[in-house]
N, C-alpha and C. Protein backbone atom coordinates (compact mmCIF):
# COMPACT_ATOMS: atom_id res chain seq x y z
N MET A 1 0.87 -1.05 0.04
CA MET A 1 0.04 0.06 -0.13
C MET A 1 0.90 1.30 -0.06
N SER A 2 0.65 2.12 -0.95
CA SER A 2 1.22 3.34 -0.99
C SER A 2 0.79 4.42 -0.10
N ILE A 3 1.43 5.46 0.34
CA ILE A 3 0.98 6.52 1.07
C ILE A 3 -0.09 7.45 0.49
N PRO A 4 -1.11 7.65 0.98
CA PRO A 4 -2.42 8.34 0.26
C PRO A 4 -2.01 9.66 0.19
N ARG A 5 -2.70 10.28 -0.71
CA ARG A 5 -2.35 11.81 -0.71
C ARG A 5 -3.51 12.52 0.12
N PRO A 6 -2.74 13.33 0.99
CA PRO A 6 -3.61 14.26 1.92
C PRO A 6 -4.52 15.53 1.14
N VAL A 7 -5.45 15.83 1.99
CA VAL A 7 -6.28 16.95 1.04
C VAL A 7 -6.16 18.35 1.89
N PHE A 8 -6.70 19.28 1.48
CA PHE A 8 -6.84 20.63 2.17
C PHE A 8 -5.32 20.96 2.66
N ASP A 9 -5.24 21.36 3.74
CA ASP A 9 -3.79 21.87 4.16
C ASP A 9 -3.05 20.73 5.12
N ARG A 10 -3.56 19.43 4.96
CA ARG A 10 -2.87 18.58 5.59
C ARG A 10 -1.57 17.85 4.97
N VAL A 11 -0.72 17.34 5.97
CA VAL A 11 0.45 16.62 5.63
C VAL A 11 0.73 15.27 6.40
N ILE A 12 1.38 14.29 5.65
CA ILE A 12 1.75 13.11 6.29
C ILE A 12 3.28 13.16 6.49
N VAL A 13 3.76 12.80 7.66
CA VAL A 13 4.96 12.97 8.05
C VAL A 13 5.32 11.50 8.51
N LYS A 14 6.61 11.13 8.70
CA LYS A 14 7.24 9.91 8.97
C LYS A 14 8.30 10.37 10.29
N PRO A 15 7.85 10.32 11.50
CA PRO A 15 8.81 10.54 12.79
C PRO A 15 10.01 10.02 12.41
N LEU A 16 11.03 10.71 12.73
CA LEU A 16 12.61 10.34 12.76
C LEU A 16 12.78 9.78 14.19
N PRO A 17 13.83 8.81 14.43
CA PRO A 17 14.27 8.39 15.59
C PRO A 17 15.07 9.54 16.40
N MET A 18 14.59 9.57 17.63
CA MET A 18 15.37 10.85 18.42
C MET A 18 16.50 10.06 19.14
N PRO A 19 17.63 10.98 19.15
CA PRO A 19 18.78 10.47 19.65
C PRO A 19 18.47 10.43 21.24
N GLU A 20 19.66 9.35 21.78
CA GLU A 20 19.38 9.00 23.23
C GLU A 20 20.36 9.96 23.85
N ARG A 21 21.48 10.28 23.18
CA ARG A 21 22.56 11.15 23.61
C ARG A 21 22.75 12.37 22.87
N SER A 22 23.20 13.46 23.44
CA SER A 22 23.52 14.83 22.66
C SER A 22 24.86 14.44 21.86
N LYS A 23 25.44 15.29 21.04
CA LYS A 23 26.61 15.12 20.27
C LYS A 23 27.73 15.10 21.25
N GLY A 24 27.74 15.77 22.44
CA GLY A 24 28.68 15.77 23.58
C GLY A 24 28.69 14.35 24.29
N GLY A 25 27.76 13.60 24.24
CA GLY A 25 27.46 12.41 24.86
C GLY A 25 26.62 12.59 26.09
N ILE A 26 25.90 13.70 26.38
CA ILE A 26 25.09 13.52 27.58
C ILE A 26 23.79 12.95 27.15
N LEU A 27 23.31 12.08 28.32
CA LEU A 27 22.11 11.32 28.26
C LEU A 27 20.94 12.16 28.12
N ILE A 28 20.05 12.23 27.27
CA ILE A 28 18.89 13.11 26.94
C ILE A 28 17.82 12.39 27.57
N PRO A 29 17.09 12.71 28.71
CA PRO A 29 15.87 12.19 29.32
C PRO A 29 14.95 11.95 28.34
N GLY A 30 13.91 10.64 28.57
CA GLY A 30 12.91 10.63 27.60
C GLY A 30 12.00 11.78 27.67
N THR A 31 11.82 12.40 28.70
CA THR A 31 10.63 13.61 28.78
C THR A 31 10.77 14.65 27.95
N VAL A 32 12.23 14.86 27.71
CA VAL A 32 12.75 15.96 26.80
C VAL A 32 12.52 15.58 25.34
N THR A 33 12.51 14.41 25.07
CA THR A 33 12.49 14.12 23.81
C THR A 33 10.95 13.91 23.38
N GLU A 34 10.09 13.83 24.27
CA GLU A 34 8.83 13.61 24.09
C GLU A 34 8.05 15.11 23.97
N ILE A 35 8.96 16.23 24.03
CA ILE A 35 8.40 17.48 23.83
C ILE A 35 8.12 17.91 22.35
N MET A 36 9.08 17.94 21.60
CA MET A 36 9.16 18.15 20.19
C MET A 36 9.65 16.91 19.49
N GLU A 37 9.01 16.71 18.18
CA GLU A 37 9.42 15.58 17.35
C GLU A 37 9.90 15.93 15.94
N ASP A 38 10.94 15.48 15.36
CA ASP A 38 11.26 15.74 13.87
C ASP A 38 10.89 14.59 13.06
N ALA A 39 10.27 14.96 11.82
CA ALA A 39 9.95 13.95 11.00
C ALA A 39 10.31 14.55 9.59
N ILE A 40 10.08 13.65 8.66
CA ILE A 40 10.29 14.13 7.13
C ILE A 40 8.99 13.88 6.60
N VAL A 41 8.58 14.92 5.74
CA VAL A 41 7.37 14.97 5.10
C VAL A 41 7.02 14.05 3.97
N MET A 42 6.35 13.17 3.81
CA MET A 42 6.23 12.10 3.04
C MET A 42 4.99 12.49 1.83
N ALA A 43 4.24 13.31 2.29
CA ALA A 43 3.15 13.68 1.40
C ALA A 43 2.49 15.04 1.91
N SER A 44 2.10 16.08 1.09
CA SER A 44 1.76 17.40 1.40
C SER A 44 0.70 17.96 0.53
N ALA A 45 -0.43 18.39 1.16
CA ALA A 45 -1.46 19.12 0.18
C ALA A 45 -1.23 20.67 0.53
N SER A 46 -0.28 21.00 1.43
CA SER A 46 0.08 22.39 1.69
C SER A 46 0.90 23.23 0.58
N ASP A 47 0.55 24.35 0.49
CA ASP A 47 1.64 25.20 -0.26
C ASP A 47 2.88 25.58 0.39
N VAL A 48 2.85 25.45 1.78
CA VAL A 48 3.92 26.00 2.50
C VAL A 48 4.84 24.82 2.82
N ILE A 49 4.34 23.80 3.05
CA ILE A 49 5.30 22.40 3.42
C ILE A 49 5.28 21.68 2.39
N LYS A 50 6.57 21.34 1.97
CA LYS A 50 6.82 20.56 0.84
C LYS A 50 7.41 18.92 1.10
N LYS A 51 6.87 18.15 0.22
CA LYS A 51 7.51 16.72 0.32
C LYS A 51 8.99 16.61 0.48
N GLY A 52 9.75 15.87 1.31
CA GLY A 52 11.08 15.87 1.53
C GLY A 52 11.62 16.82 2.75
N GLU A 53 11.12 17.83 3.09
CA GLU A 53 11.31 18.46 4.05
C GLU A 53 11.40 18.06 5.51
N ILE A 54 12.40 18.36 6.34
CA ILE A 54 12.55 17.77 7.79
C ILE A 54 11.76 18.85 8.47
N VAL A 55 10.85 18.51 9.24
CA VAL A 55 10.01 19.48 10.05
C VAL A 55 10.13 18.98 11.48
N SER A 56 9.73 20.07 12.33
CA SER A 56 9.60 19.98 13.90
C SER A 56 8.24 20.18 14.42
N TYR A 57 7.71 19.62 15.18
CA TYR A 57 6.31 19.72 15.74
C TYR A 57 6.22 19.25 16.96
N PRO A 58 5.34 19.54 18.07
CA PRO A 58 4.73 19.17 19.21
C PRO A 58 4.41 17.66 19.22
N SER A 59 5.03 16.75 19.97
CA SER A 59 4.92 15.50 19.54
C SER A 59 3.40 14.69 19.95
N HIS A 60 2.90 15.64 20.76
CA HIS A 60 1.42 15.32 20.93
C HIS A 60 0.21 15.38 19.97
N LEU A 61 0.68 16.10 18.76
CA LEU A 61 -0.16 16.67 17.79
C LEU A 61 -0.19 15.64 16.54
N GLY A 62 -1.23 15.58 15.72
CA GLY A 62 -1.14 14.64 14.80
C GLY A 62 -1.91 13.19 15.07
N VAL A 63 -2.33 12.55 14.05
CA VAL A 63 -3.02 11.48 14.19
C VAL A 63 -2.17 10.21 13.64
N VAL A 64 -1.74 9.29 14.46
CA VAL A 64 -1.09 8.15 13.89
C VAL A 64 -1.68 7.26 12.97
N GLN A 65 -1.06 7.07 12.01
CA GLN A 65 -1.49 6.06 10.82
C GLN A 65 -0.63 5.11 10.39
N TRP A 66 -0.91 4.15 10.25
CA TRP A 66 -0.03 3.07 9.78
C TRP A 66 0.08 2.54 8.51
N TYR A 67 0.94 2.54 7.72
CA TYR A 67 1.06 2.14 6.16
C TYR A 67 2.15 1.21 5.99
N ASP A 68 2.09 0.05 5.64
CA ASP A 68 3.14 -1.13 5.40
C ASP A 68 3.88 -1.16 6.51
N ASP A 69 3.14 -1.18 7.62
CA ASP A 69 3.65 -1.44 9.02
C ASP A 69 4.91 -0.62 9.45
N GLU A 70 4.50 0.75 8.95
CA GLU A 70 5.37 1.81 9.41
C GLU A 70 4.57 2.88 10.07
N LYS A 71 5.14 3.61 10.98
CA LYS A 71 4.30 4.61 11.66
C LYS A 71 4.35 6.06 10.90
N TYR A 72 3.38 6.68 10.76
CA TYR A 72 3.22 7.79 10.06
C TYR A 72 2.18 8.79 10.80
N LYS A 73 2.35 10.14 10.74
CA LYS A 73 1.43 10.86 11.22
C LYS A 73 0.81 11.84 10.30
N LEU A 74 -0.68 11.95 10.55
CA LEU A 74 -1.26 12.93 9.55
C LEU A 74 -1.47 14.08 10.52
N MET A 75 -1.35 15.23 9.98
CA MET A 75 -1.59 16.45 10.71
C MET A 75 -1.76 17.72 9.79
N ASN A 76 -2.40 18.90 10.32
CA ASN A 76 -2.49 20.09 9.62
C ASN A 76 -1.13 20.68 9.40
N ALA A 77 -1.00 21.39 8.43
CA ALA A 77 0.23 22.11 8.14
C ALA A 77 0.48 23.19 9.20
N SER A 78 -0.38 23.75 9.72
CA SER A 78 -0.38 24.78 10.65
C SER A 78 0.17 24.21 12.08
N GLU A 79 0.04 23.13 12.26
CA GLU A 79 0.78 22.50 13.48
C GLU A 79 2.17 22.14 13.31
N ILE A 80 2.73 22.50 12.15
CA ILE A 80 4.21 22.34 12.10
C ILE A 80 4.91 23.62 12.54
N TYR A 81 5.96 23.67 13.47
CA TYR A 81 6.56 24.90 14.20
C TYR A 81 7.55 25.37 13.31
N LEU A 82 8.48 24.31 12.80
CA LEU A 82 9.63 24.75 12.07
C LEU A 82 9.96 23.92 10.91
N VAL A 83 10.72 24.51 9.74
CA VAL A 83 11.22 23.53 9.03
C VAL A 83 12.76 23.56 9.11
N VAL A 84 13.06 22.25 9.65
CA VAL A 84 14.66 22.17 9.88
C VAL A 84 15.50 22.02 8.73
N GLU A 85 15.08 21.33 7.68
CA GLU A 85 15.83 21.36 6.46
C GLU A 85 14.99 21.28 5.14
N GLU A 86 15.25 22.22 4.47
CA GLU A 86 14.42 22.21 3.11
C GLU A 86 14.59 21.03 2.26
N ALA A 87 13.72 20.82 1.35
CA ALA A 87 13.57 19.69 0.54
C ALA A 87 14.81 19.65 -0.57
N LYS A 88 15.45 18.66 -0.84
CA LYS A 88 16.59 18.69 -1.93
C LYS A 88 16.12 18.57 -3.26
């Protein structure tokens, strides 16, 4: 099953794994990594957020969807706080 096409201003993102340690080797508590989540945009109906961009959003937002046994989130483009990396 392929990823469906979202409508209106919705996007489908695939959450990226959160690091357990900082680049300096400091252990990051789970409560910190639960606040914000990074993901790659897999499909977008928004004019602002593009497929392939890496974005950051509060982890409690979005609806979890499963496609081909992989976790994705469906959310409104307005729920995304930052574009971390532009699409290539």
